[in-house]
Amino acid sequence: MKSIARWALLLCCWAAALPAHALYKVVGPDGKVTYTDRPPTEVSRVQPLTSSGAPAAGGGASALPFELQRVVGRFPVTLYTSRECQPCEAGRALLRQRGVPYTEKTVNTAQDAAALNRLAGGTDLPLLQIGGQQIKGYAAEEWQSYLDTAGYPKQSTLPTSFQFAPPTPLVAVVPAPAPTQTAAGTPRSAPSTSSPPPPAGNAPPGFKF
């Protein structure tokens, strides 16, 4: 009886200590489950775990692979574009084909152009920013080289459920204020500037309506 109790205690201690050292739960092709504190290269069947052994938040199919998360955190990518810009479209296609998550800012107004000039010292587009590095204009080999240096994978590792964020203006559009309304909810009319009608023909001098 003491031997059985000792083995049960050892098993409980082992089970409690396992998640403290294992950060990833990996399911192999044969269904075998293993635990590791190193991010595996095969990310399709990997589930991050918390220190308690529970699945980590954001560990679903839409989460980025671990290595890509780390690169994005260190060297986030921002793409500045404008309408009817063929090089901008080519640059966007390159990022998507390579599987690089990015934020796209559009430059379509005078305010956008002024903000871009303050940011980059010019208004040449497209502008690619990788971390603190800015690359003006589109040159595929140059962009690929900078992405390689930053550590982005050469081939896309994005999950199939990943969706790129839609572009937004560089300068946020502020809606025009609504017209002032009275308590009854009708727009307040402008004060009349028309002159009063002339006095009647028989009115005494100085008479006013």
Foldseek 3Di string as FASTA:
>chain_A
DVVVVVVVVVVVVCVQCVLQAFQKWAQDPVRDIDTHPDQDPDLPRIFTADNRRHTDPPRDLQRARPQLVVLCVQWAKEKEEEPPDVQSVVVVVLCVQQAHAHAYAYQYDPVLQVVVCVVPVHRAPTWMGTRNDIDGTDDPVVVLVVCVVSPRGRGHPGGPPYDHDDYYHPDHDDDDDDADADPVGHHDDDDDPDDDDDDDPPDDPPDDD
